[in-house]
PDB file of N, CA and C in Angstrom:
ATOM      1  N   UNK A   1       0.828  -1.186   0.000  1.00  0.00           N
ATOM      2  CA  UNK A   1       0.000   0.000   0.000  1.00  0.00           C
ATOM      3  C   UNK A   1       0.875   1.252   0.000  1.00  0.00           C
ATOM      4  N   UNK A   2       0.470   2.232  -0.781  1.00  0.00           N
ATOM      5  CA  UNK A   2       1.256   3.448  -0.931  1.00  0.00           C
ATOM      6  C   UNK A   2       1.193   4.323   0.311  1.00  0.00           C
ATOM      7  N   UNK A   3       2.306   4.889   0.646  1.00  0.00           N
ATOM      8  CA  UNK A   3       2.369   5.866   1.741  1.00  0.00           C
ATOM      9  C   UNK A   3       2.177   7.277   1.220  1.00  0.00           C
ATOM     10  N   UNK A   4       2.018   7.439  -0.101  1.00  0.00           N
ATOM     11  CA  UNK A   4       1.882   8.758  -0.705  1.00  0.00           C
ATOM     12  C   UNK A   4       0.392   9.081  -0.844  1.00  0.00           C
ATOM     13  N   UNK A   5      -0.020  10.172  -0.232  1.00  0.00           N
ATOM     14  CA  UNK A   5      -1.418  10.589  -0.204  1.00  0.00           C
ATOM     15  C   UNK A   5      -1.730  11.428  -1.446  1.00  0.00           C
ATOM     16  N   UNK A   6      -2.880  11.176  -2.041  1.00  0.00           N
ATOM     17  CA  UNK A   6      -3.332  11.996  -3.174  1.00  0.00           C
ATOM     18  C   UNK A   6      -3.930  13.281  -2.606  1.00  0.00           C
ATOM     19  N   UNK A   7      -3.309  14.402  -2.914  1.00  0.00           N
ATOM     20  CA  UNK A   7      -3.781  15.696  -2.420  1.00  0.00           C
ATOM     21  C   UNK A   7      -4.615  16.380  -3.496  1.00  0.00           C
ATOM     22  N   UNK A   8      -5.591  17.160  -3.031  1.00  0.00           N
ATOM     23  CA  UNK A   8      -6.436  17.920  -3.959  1.00  0.00           C
ATOM     24  C   UNK A   8      -6.785  19.247  -3.309  1.00  0.00           C
ATOM     25  N   UNK A   9      -7.578  20.036  -3.993  1.00  0.00           N
ATOM     26  CA  UNK A   9      -7.922  21.369  -3.487  1.00  0.00           C
ATOM     27  C   UNK A   9      -8.662  21.314  -2.157  1.00  0.00           C
ATOM     28  N   UNK A  10      -9.399  20.240  -1.925  1.00  0.00           N
ATOM     29  CA  UNK A  10     -10.187  20.125  -0.698  1.00  0.00           C
ATOM     30  C   UNK A  10      -9.363  19.699   0.515  1.00  0.00           C
ATOM     31  N   UNK A  11      -8.376  18.822   0.302  1.00  0.00           N
ATOM     32  CA  UNK A  11      -7.650  18.281   1.459  1.00  0.00           C
ATOM     33  C   UNK A  11      -6.224  18.810   1.624  1.00  0.00           C
ATOM     34  N   UNK A  12      -5.747  19.615   0.693  1.00  0.00           N
ATOM     35  CA  UNK A  12      -4.353  20.034   0.712  1.00  0.00           C
ATOM     36  C   UNK A  12      -3.968  20.742   2.011  1.00  0.00           C
ATOM     37  N   UNK A  13      -4.749  21.729   2.409  1.00  0.00           N
ATOM     38  CA  UNK A  13      -4.392  22.489   3.610  1.00  0.00           C
ATOM     39  C   UNK A  13      -4.357  21.613   4.854  1.00  0.00           C
ATOM     40  N   UNK A  14      -5.286  20.679   4.946  1.00  0.00           N
ATOM     41  CA  UNK A  14      -5.269  19.791   6.115  1.00  0.00           C
ATOM     42  C   UNK A  14      -4.069  18.849   6.066  1.00  0.00           C
ATOM     43  N   UNK A  15      -3.635  18.455   4.880  1.00  0.00           N
ATOM     44  CA  UNK A  15      -2.447  17.598   4.753  1.00  0.00           C
ATOM     45  C   UNK A  15      -1.201  18.340   5.224  1.00  0.00           C
ATOM     46  N   UNK A  16      -1.014  19.565   4.762  1.00  0.00           N
ATOM     47  CA  UNK A  16       0.221  20.273   5.148  1.00  0.00           C
ATOM     48  C   UNK A  16       0.202  20.696   6.614  1.00  0.00           C
ATOM     49  N   UNK A  17      -0.976  20.673   7.238  1.00  0.00           N
ATOM     50  CA  UNK A  17      -1.056  20.960   8.682  1.00  0.00           C
ATOM     51  C   UNK A  17      -1.025  19.685   9.519  1.00  0.00           C
ATOM     52  N   UNK A  18      -1.090  18.523   8.864  1.00  0.00           N
ATOM     53  CA  UNK A  18      -1.223  17.261   9.598  1.00  0.00           C
ATOM     54  C   UNK A  18       0.028  16.862  10.372  1.00  0.00           C
ATOM     55  N   UNK A  19       1.174  17.172   9.850  1.00  0.00           N
ATOM     56  CA  UNK A  19       2.435  16.876  10.535  1.00  0.00           C
ATOM     57  C   UNK A  19       3.372  18.051  10.342  1.00  0.00           C
ATOM     58  N   UNK A  20       4.460  18.051  11.068  1.00  0.00           N
ATOM     59  CA  UNK A  20       5.402  19.155  10.940  1.00  0.00           C
ATOM     60  C   UNK A  20       6.098  19.174   9.590  1.00  0.00           C
ATOM     61  N   UNK A  21       6.310  17.989   8.987  1.00  0.00           N
ATOM     62  CA  UNK A  21       7.072  17.926   7.732  1.00  0.00           C
ATOM     63  C   UNK A  21       6.276  17.181   6.675  1.00  0.00           C
ATOM     64  N   UNK A  22       6.120  17.843   5.513  1.00  0.00           N
ATOM     65  CA  UNK A  22       5.353  17.256   4.414  1.00  0.00           C
ATOM     66  C   UNK A  22       6.130  17.464   3.114  1.00  0.00           C
ATOM     67  N   UNK A  23       6.295  16.371   2.369  1.00  0.00           N
ATOM     68  CA  UNK A  23       6.932  16.391   1.050  1.00  0.00           C
ATOM     69  C   UNK A  23       5.802  16.323   0.026  1.00  0.00           C
ATOM     70  N   UNK A  24       5.731  17.306  -0.877  1.00  0.00           N
ATOM     71  CA  UNK A  24       4.681  17.316  -1.894  1.00  0.00           C
ATOM     72  C   UNK A  24       5.307  17.213  -3.278  1.00  0.00           C
ATOM     73  N   UNK A  25       4.823  16.239  -4.035  1.00  0.00           N
ATOM     74  CA  UNK A  25       5.236  16.005  -5.423  1.00  0.00           C
ATOM     75  C   UNK A  25       4.161  16.611  -6.324  1.00  0.00           C
ATOM     76  N   UNK A  26       4.514  17.674  -7.055  1.00  0.00           N
ATOM     77  CA  UNK A  26       3.616  18.262  -8.040  1.00  0.00           C
ATOM     78  C   UNK A  26       3.935  17.586  -9.370  1.00  0.00           C
ATOM     79  N   UNK A  27       2.933  16.970  -9.983  1.00  0.00           N
ATOM     80  CA  UNK A  27       3.152  16.144 -11.171  1.00  0.00           C
ATOM     81  C   UNK A  27       1.946  16.269 -12.116  1.00  0.00           C
ATOM     82  N   UNK A  28       2.076  15.652 -13.292  1.00  0.00           N
ATOM     83  CA  UNK A  28       0.973  15.555 -14.254  1.00  0.00           C
ATOM     84  C   UNK A  28       1.093  14.213 -14.966  1.00  0.00           C
ATOM     85  N   UNK A  29      -0.037  13.605 -15.345  1.00  0.00           N
ATOM     86  CA  UNK A  29       0.001  12.287 -15.979  1.00  0.00           C
ATOM     87  C   UNK A  29       0.714  12.285 -17.337  1.00  0.00           C
ATOM     88  N   UNK A  30       0.748  13.419 -18.027  1.00  0.00           N
ATOM     89  CA  UNK A  30       1.393  13.500 -19.336  1.00  0.00           C
ATOM     90  C   UNK A  30       2.905  13.760 -19.219  1.00  0.00           C
ATOM     91  N   UNK A  31       3.382  14.002 -18.003  1.00  0.00           N
ATOM     92  CA  UNK A  31       4.796  14.322 -17.758  1.00  0.00           C
ATOM     93  C   UNK A  31       5.578  13.018 -17.558  1.00  0.00           C
ATOM     94  N   UNK A  32       6.307  12.595 -18.574  1.00  0.00           N
ATOM     95  CA  UNK A  32       7.054  11.334 -18.493  1.00  0.00           C
ATOM     96  C   UNK A  32       8.085  11.339 -17.357  1.00  0.00           C
ATOM     97  N   UNK A  33       8.842  12.421 -17.147  1.00  0.00           N
ATOM     98  CA  UNK A  33       9.762  12.424 -16.001  1.00  0.00           C
ATOM     99  C   UNK A  33       9.027  12.268 -14.667  1.00  0.00           C
ATOM    100  N   UNK A  34       7.837  12.842 -14.563  1.00  0.00           N
ATOM    101  CA  UNK A  34       7.041  12.701 -13.324  1.00  0.00           C
ATOM    102  C   UNK A  34       6.701  11.245 -13.084  1.00  0.00           C
ATOM    103  N   UNK A  35       6.257  10.577 -14.138  1.00  0.00           N
ATOM    104  CA  UNK A  35       5.864   9.170 -14.022  1.00  0.00           C
ATOM    105  C   UNK A  35       7.070   8.311 -13.657  1.00  0.00           C
ATOM    106  N   UNK A  36       8.237   8.629 -14.223  1.00  0.00           N
ATOM    107  CA  UNK A  36       9.459   7.877 -13.892  1.00  0.00           C
ATOM    108  C   UNK A  36       9.877   8.061 -12.440  1.00  0.00           C
ATOM    109  N   UNK A  37       9.544   9.202 -11.849  1.00  0.00           N
ATOM    110  CA  UNK A  37       9.939   9.480 -10.469  1.00  0.00           C
ATOM    111  C   UNK A  37       9.036   8.781  -9.456  1.00  0.00           C
ATOM    112  N   UNK A  38       7.844   8.368  -9.864  1.00  0.00           N
ATOM    113  CA  UNK A  38       6.884   7.749  -8.933  1.00  0.00           C
ATOM    114  C   UNK A  38       7.475   6.627  -8.079  1.00  0.00           C
ATOM    115  N   UNK A  39       8.124   5.622  -8.681  1.00  0.00           N
ATOM    116  CA  UNK A  39       8.639   4.528  -7.843  1.00  0.00           C
ATOM    117  C   UNK A  39       9.723   4.987  -6.862  1.00  0.00           C
ATOM    118  N   UNK A  40      10.522   5.967  -7.251  1.00  0.00           N
ATOM    119  CA  UNK A  40      11.554   6.482  -6.350  1.00  0.00           C
ATOM    120  C   UNK A  40      10.914   7.157  -5.144  1.00  0.00           C
ATOM    121  N   UNK A  41       9.897   7.948  -5.400  1.00  0.00           N
ATOM    122  CA  UNK A  41       9.213   8.646  -4.312  1.00  0.00           C
ATOM    123  C   UNK A  41       8.551   7.635  -3.383  1.00  0.00           C
ATOM    124  N   UNK A  42       7.946   6.606  -3.957  1.00  0.00           N
ATOM    125  CA  UNK A  42       7.316   5.554  -3.142  1.00  0.00           C
ATOM    126  C   UNK A  42       8.347   4.892  -2.219  1.00  0.00           C
ATOM    127  N   UNK A  43       9.513   4.546  -2.759  1.00  0.00           N
ATOM    128  CA  UNK A  43      10.546   3.891  -1.946  1.00  0.00           C
ATOM    129  C   UNK A  43      11.047   4.812  -0.829  1.00  0.00           C
ATOM    130  N   UNK A  44      11.256   6.074  -1.172  1.00  0.00           N
ATOM    131  CA  UNK A  44      11.745   7.017  -0.174  1.00  0.00           C
ATOM    132  C   UNK A  44      10.688   7.263   0.891  1.00  0.00           C
ATOM    133  N   UNK A  45       9.432   7.318   0.497  1.00  0.00           N
ATOM    134  CA  UNK A  45       8.341   7.480   1.469  1.00  0.00           C
ATOM    135  C   UNK A  45       8.321   6.315   2.450  1.00  0.00           C
ATOM    136  N   UNK A  46       8.586   5.113   1.952  1.00  0.00           N
ATOM    137  CA  UNK A  46       8.617   3.937   2.823  1.00  0.00           C
ATOM    138  C   UNK A  46       9.727   4.025   3.875  1.00  0.00           C
ATOM    139  N   UNK A  47      10.797   4.738   3.553  1.00  0.00           N
ATOM    140  CA  UNK A  47      11.929   4.837   4.479  1.00  0.00           C
ATOM    141  C   UNK A  47      11.812   5.998   5.467  1.00  0.00           C
ATOM    142  N   UNK A  48      10.857   6.892   5.239  1.00  0.00           N
ATOM    143  CA  UNK A  48      10.755   8.101   6.079  1.00  0.00           C
ATOM    144  C   UNK A  48       9.351   8.222   6.651  1.00  0.00           C
ATOM    145  N   UNK A  49       9.062   7.407   7.636  1.00  0.00           N
ATOM    146  CA  UNK A  49       7.731   7.364   8.227  1.00  0.00           C
ATOM    147  C   UNK A  49       7.326   8.614   8.991  1.00  0.00           C
ATOM    148  N   UNK A  50       8.276   9.435   9.388  1.00  0.00           N
ATOM    149  CA  UNK A  50       7.932  10.640  10.154  1.00  0.00           C
ATOM    150  C   UNK A  50       7.538  11.813   9.257  1.00  0.00           C
ATOM    151  N   UNK A  51       7.667  11.635   7.948  1.00  0.00           N
ATOM    152  CA  UNK A  51       7.325  12.674   6.981  1.00  0.00           C
ATOM    153  C   UNK A  51       6.074  12.241   6.237  1.00  0.00           C
ATOM    154  N   UNK A  52       5.148  13.168   6.027  1.00  0.00           N
ATOM    155  CA  UNK A  52       3.975  12.902   5.206  1.00  0.00           C
ATOM    156  C   UNK A  52       4.356  13.164   3.752  1.00  0.00           C
ATOM    157  N   UNK A  53       4.065  12.217   2.875  1.00  0.00           N
ATOM    158  CA  UNK A  53       4.317  12.367   1.447  1.00  0.00           C
ATOM    159  C   UNK A  53       2.978  12.517   0.731  1.00  0.00           C
ATOM    160  N   UNK A  54       2.881  13.531  -0.120  1.00  0.00           N
ATOM    161  CA  UNK A  54       1.644  13.782  -0.862  1.00  0.00           C
ATOM    162  C   UNK A  54       1.990  14.114  -2.302  1.00  0.00           C
ATOM    163  N   UNK A  55       1.000  13.915  -3.175  1.00  0.00           N
ATOM    164  CA  UNK A  55       1.201  14.267  -4.580  1.00  0.00           C
ATOM    165  C   UNK A  55      -0.003  15.042  -5.072  1.00  0.00           C
ATOM    166  N   UNK A  56       0.275  16.024  -5.935  1.00  0.00           N
ATOM    167  CA  UNK A  56      -0.766  16.875  -6.502  1.00  0.00           C
ATOM    168  C   UNK A  56      -0.702  16.779  -8.016  1.00  0.00           C
ATOM    169  N   UNK A  57      -1.801  16.346  -8.616  1.00  0.00           N
ATOM    170  CA  UNK A  57      -1.924  16.315 -10.073  1.00  0.00           C
ATOM    171  C   UNK A  57      -2.260  17.739 -10.509  1.00  0.00           C
ATOM    172  N   UNK A  58      -1.286  18.441 -11.094  1.00  0.00           N
ATOM    173  CA  UNK A  58      -1.482  19.849 -11.439  1.00  0.00           C
ATOM    174  C   UNK A  58      -2.457  20.033 -12.603  1.00  0.00           C
ATOM    175  N   UNK A  59      -2.672  18.994 -13.372  1.00  0.00           N
ATOM    176  CA  UNK A  59      -3.662  19.081 -14.444  1.00  0.00           C
ATOM    177  C   UNK A  59      -5.071  19.210 -13.853  1.00  0.00           C
ATOM    178  N   UNK A  60      -5.319  18.507 -12.776  1.00  0.00           N
ATOM    179  CA  UNK A  60      -6.625  18.557 -12.121  1.00  0.00           C
ATOM    180  C   UNK A  60      -6.728  19.682 -11.099  1.00  0.00           C
ATOM    181  N   UNK A  61      -5.620  20.025 -10.467  1.00  0.00           N
ATOM    182  CA  UNK A  61      -5.650  21.006  -9.382  1.00  0.00           C
ATOM    183  C   UNK A  61      -4.643  22.130  -9.657  1.00  0.00           C
ATOM    184  N   UNK A  62      -4.870  22.827 -10.748  1.00  0.00           N
ATOM    185  CA  UNK A  62      -3.970  23.910 -11.156  1.00  0.00           C
ATOM    186  C   UNK A  62      -3.962  25.052 -10.140  1.00  0.00           C
ATOM    187  N   UNK A  63      -5.024  25.167  -9.347  1.00  0.00           N
ATOM    188  CA  UNK A  63      -5.064  26.203  -8.317  1.00  0.00           C
ATOM    189  C   UNK A  63      -3.924  26.024  -7.312  1.00  0.00           C
ATOM    190  N   UNK A  64      -3.607  24.770  -6.990  1.00  0.00           N
ATOM    191  CA  UNK A  64      -2.509  24.510  -6.050  1.00  0.00           C
ATOM    192  C   UNK A  64      -1.158  24.802  -6.697  1.00  0.00           C
ATOM    193  N   UNK A  65      -1.022  24.453  -7.966  1.00  0.00           N
ATOM    194  CA  UNK A  65       0.219  24.765  -8.681  1.00  0.00           C
ATOM    195  C   UNK A  65       0.414  26.277  -8.743  1.00  0.00           C
ATOM    196  N   UNK A  66      -0.635  27.003  -9.012  1.00  0.00           N
ATOM    197  CA  UNK A  66      -0.551  28.467  -9.072  1.00  0.00           C
ATOM    198  C   UNK A  66      -0.204  29.058  -7.711  1.00  0.00           C
ATOM    199  N   UNK A  67      -0.831  28.529  -6.665  1.00  0.00           N
ATOM    200  CA  UNK A  67      -0.603  29.055  -5.319  1.00  0.00           C
ATOM    201  C   UNK A  67       0.869  28.975  -4.933  1.00  0.00           C
ATOM    202  N   UNK A  68       1.558  27.918  -5.385  1.00  0.00           N
ATOM    203  CA  UNK A  68       2.963  27.722  -5.018  1.00  0.00           C
ATOM    204  C   UNK A  68       3.921  27.985  -6.176  1.00  0.00           C
ATOM    205  N   UNK A  69       3.416  28.670  -7.203  1.00  0.00           N
ATOM    206  CA  UNK A  69       4.229  29.116  -8.339  1.00  0.00           C
ATOM    207  C   UNK A  69       4.962  27.973  -9.028  1.00  0.00           C
ATOM    208  N   UNK A  70       4.274  26.852  -9.202  1.00  0.00           N
ATOM    209  CA  UNK A  70       4.857  25.697  -9.881  1.00  0.00           C
ATOM    210  C   UNK A  70       4.710  25.915 -11.386  1.00  0.00           C
ATOM    211  N   UNK A  71       5.836  25.998 -12.081  1.00  0.00           N
ATOM    212  CA  UNK A  71       5.788  26.216 -13.530  1.00  0.00           C
ATOM    213  C   UNK A  71       6.550  25.142 -14.298  1.00  0.00           C
ATOM    214  N   UNK A  72       7.301  24.316 -13.601  1.00  0.00           N
ATOM    215  CA  UNK A  72       8.041  23.214 -14.221  1.00  0.00           C
ATOM    216  C   UNK A  72       7.744  21.941 -13.443  1.00  0.00           C
ATOM    217  N   UNK A  73       7.765  20.832 -14.178  1.00  0.00           N
ATOM    218  CA  UNK A  73       7.473  19.533 -13.561  1.00  0.00           C
ATOM    219  C   UNK A  73       8.589  18.548 -13.857  1.00  0.00           C
ATOM    220  N   UNK A  74       8.777  17.572 -13.005  1.00  0.00           N
ATOM    221  CA  UNK A  74       8.210  17.450 -11.675  1.00  0.00           C
ATOM    222  C   UNK A  74       8.798  18.496 -10.732  1.00  0.00           C
ATOM    223  N   UNK A  75       8.008  18.849  -9.745  1.00  0.00           N
ATOM    224  CA  UNK A  75       8.459  19.810  -8.731  1.00  0.00           C
ATOM    225  C   UNK A  75       8.156  19.218  -7.364  1.00  0.00           C
ATOM    226  N   UNK A  76       9.089  19.401  -6.458  1.00  0.00           N
ATOM    227  CA  UNK A  76       8.956  18.868  -5.107  1.00  0.00           C
ATOM    228  C   UNK A  76       9.075  20.025  -4.133  1.00  0.00           C
ATOM    229  N   UNK A  77       8.130  20.116  -3.227  1.00  0.00           N
ATOM    230  CA  UNK A  77       8.156  21.196  -2.240  1.00  0.00           C
ATOM    231  C   UNK A  77       8.053  20.568  -0.855  1.00  0.00           C
ATOM    232  N   UNK A  78       8.953  20.977   0.025  1.00  0.00           N
ATOM    233  CA  UNK A  78       8.919  20.542   1.407  1.00  0.00           C
ATOM    234  C   UNK A  78       8.214  21.610   2.221  1.00  0.00           C
ATOM    235  N   UNK A  79       7.240  21.187   2.989  1.00  0.00           N
ATOM    236  CA  UNK A  79       6.530  22.080   3.894  1.00  0.00           C
ATOM    237  C   UNK A  79       6.959  21.747   5.312  1.00  0.00           C
ATOM    238  N   UNK A  80       7.284  22.763   6.042  1.00  0.00           N
ATOM    239  CA  UNK A  80       7.637  22.619   7.445  1.00  0.00           C
ATOM    240  C   UNK A  80       6.745  23.569   8.227  1.00  0.00           C
ATOM    241  N   UNK A  81       6.037  23.047   9.198  1.00  0.00           N
ATOM    242  CA  UNK A  81       5.080  23.844   9.969  1.00  0.00           C
ATOM    243  C   UNK A  81       4.101  24.579   9.047  1.00  0.00           C
ATOM    244  N   UNK A  82       3.595  23.867   8.047  1.00  0.00           N
ATOM    245  CA  UNK A  82       2.570  24.341   7.104  1.00  0.00           C
ATOM    246  C   UNK A  82       3.058  25.371   6.089  1.00  0.00           C
ATOM    247  N   UNK A  83       4.336  25.640   6.052  1.00  0.00           N
ATOM    248  CA  UNK A  83       4.881  26.624   5.106  1.00  0.00           C
ATOM    249  C   UNK A  83       5.918  25.972   4.205  1.00  0.00           C
ATOM    250  N   UNK A  84       5.965  26.378   2.922  1.00  0.00           N
ATOM    251  CA  UNK A  84       7.005  25.837   2.051  1.00  0.00           C
ATOM    252  C   UNK A  84       8.380  26.261   2.571  1.00  0.00           C
ATOM    253  N   UNK A  85       9.287  25.288   2.665  1.00  0.00           N
ATOM    254  CA  UNK A  85      10.610  25.618   3.195  1.00  0.00           C
ATOM    255  C   UNK A  85      11.722  25.388   2.174  1.00  0.00           C
ATOM    256  N   UNK A  86      11.590  24.332   1.359  1.00  0.00           N
ATOM    257  CA  UNK A  86      12.587  24.059   0.331  1.00  0.00           C
ATOM    258  C   UNK A  86      11.905  23.437  -0.869  1.00  0.00           C
ATOM    259  N   UNK A  87      12.566  23.560  -2.015  1.00  0.00           N
ATOM    260  CA  UNK A  87      11.992  22.951  -3.216  1.00  0.00           C
ATOM    261  C   UNK A  87      13.091  22.440  -4.130  1.00  0.00           C
ATOM    262  N   UNK A  88      12.682  21.579  -5.031  1.00  0.00           N
ATOM    263  CA  UNK A  88      13.585  21.007  -6.030  1.00  0.00           C
ATOM    264  C   UNK A  88      12.738  20.773  -7.269  1.00  0.00           C
ATOM    265  N   UNK A  89      13.335  20.994  -8.429  1.00  0.00           N
ATOM    266  CA  UNK A  89      12.613  20.828  -9.693  1.00  0.00           C
ATOM    267  C   UNK A  89      13.374  19.858 -10.579  1.00  0.00           C
ATOM    268  N   UNK A  90      12.612  19.002 -11.252  1.00  0.00           N
ATOM    269  CA  UNK A  90      13.195  18.124 -12.264  1.00  0.00           C
ATOM    270  C   UNK A  90      13.448  16.712 -11.776  1.00  0.00           C
ATOM    271  N   UNK A  91      13.841  15.897 -12.725  1.00  0.00           N
ATOM    272  CA  UNK A  91      14.173  14.509 -12.444  1.00  0.00           C
ATOM    273  C   UNK A  91      15.512  14.448 -11.731  1.00  0.00           C
ATOM    274  N   UNK A  92      15.568  13.690 -10.668  1.00  0.00           N
ATOM    275  CA  UNK A  92      16.807  13.526  -9.916  1.00  0.00           C
ATOM    276  C   UNK A  92      17.000  12.040  -9.642  1.00  0.00           C
ATOM    277  N   UNK A  93      18.197  11.675  -9.272  1.00  0.00           N
ATOM    278  CA  UNK A  93      18.462  10.278  -8.925  1.00  0.00           C
ATOM    279  C   UNK A  93      17.840   9.964  -7.573  1.00  0.00           C
ATOM    280  N   UNK A  94      17.692   8.679  -7.301  1.00  0.00           N
ATOM    281  CA  UNK A  94      17.152   8.271  -6.001  1.00  0.00           C
ATOM    282  C   UNK A  94      18.072   8.738  -4.885  1.00  0.00           C
ATOM    283  N   UNK A  95      19.369   8.678  -5.108  1.00  0.00           N
ATOM    284  CA  UNK A  95      20.338   9.127  -4.108  1.00  0.00           C
ATOM    285  C   UNK A  95      20.167  10.612  -3.812  1.00  0.00           C
ATOM    286  N   UNK A  96      20.006  11.410  -4.862  1.00  0.00           N
ATOM    287  CA  UNK A  96      19.848  12.850  -4.675  1.00  0.00           C
ATOM    288  C   UNK A  96      18.522  13.174  -3.974  1.00  0.00           C
ATOM    289  N   UNK A  97      17.475  12.482  -4.356  1.00  0.00           N
ATOM    290  CA  UNK A  97      16.179  12.702  -3.713  1.00  0.00           C
ATOM    291  C   UNK A  97      16.231  12.269  -2.249  1.00  0.00           C
ATOM    292  N   UNK A  98      16.888  11.153  -1.975  1.00  0.00           N
ATOM    293  CA  UNK A  98      17.058  10.686  -0.599  1.00  0.00           C
ATOM    294  C   UNK A  98      17.819  11.719   0.227  1.00  0.00           C
ATOM    295  N   UNK A  99      18.849  12.288  -0.346  1.00  0.00           N
ATOM    296  CA  UNK A  99      19.649  13.313   0.346  1.00  0.00           C
ATOM    297  C   UNK A  99      18.781  14.537   0.654  1.00  0.00           C
ATOM    298  N   UNK A 100      17.968  14.954  -0.328  1.00  0.00           N
ATOM    299  CA  UNK A 100      17.071  16.095  -0.160  1.00  0.00           C
ATOM    300  C   UNK A 100      16.092  15.842   0.987  1.00  0.00           C
ATOM    301  N   UNK A 101      15.488  14.665   1.000  1.00  0.00           N
ATOM    302  CA  UNK A 101      14.508  14.319   2.041  1.00  0.00           C
ATOM    303  C   UNK A 101      15.202  14.164   3.396  1.00  0.00           C
ATOM    304  N   UNK A 102      16.353  13.529   3.427  1.00  0.00           N
ATOM    305  CA  UNK A 102      17.067  13.284   4.691  1.00  0.00           C
ATOM    306  C   UNK A 102      17.522  14.567   5.368  1.00  0.00           C
ATOM    307  N   UNK A 103      17.946  15.542   4.596  1.00  0.00           N
ATOM    308  CA  UNK A 103      18.432  16.771   5.209  1.00  0.00           C
ATOM    309  C   UNK A 103      17.314  17.551   5.873  1.00  0.00           C
ATOM    310  N   UNK A 104      16.094  17.299   5.473  1.00  0.00           N
ATOM    311  CA  UNK A 104      14.961  18.000   6.057  1.00  0.00           C
ATOM    312  C   UNK A 104      14.265  17.135   7.092  1.00  0.00           C
ATOM    313  N   UNK A 105      14.222  15.808   6.807  1.00  0.00           N
ATOM    314  CA  UNK A 105      13.496  14.888   7.691  1.00  0.00           C
ATOM    315  C   UNK A 105      14.318  14.468   8.846  1.00  0.00           C
TER     316      UNK A 105
END
């Protein structure tokens, strides 16, 4: 079972308030790099139980992409205490993504 929560316009705010640290993957189904990153994010989510992992389909929820100025995909935003604290854009290796998550988590 996936540890990555599907976020949408209705539940997003409650997700980022649910824990102190939240990793959000902004993606789209037509974005091939986004789709390639899915298994990496799933594996990293399995290793970091203290962090909430969520994903936002920007095609369906463009309001959330606009709110956080997401213009390139894939985009990853770390929320700490309900506020964006760090971000990363583009396809990265599992090692690099793990390093990004570990330094915050």
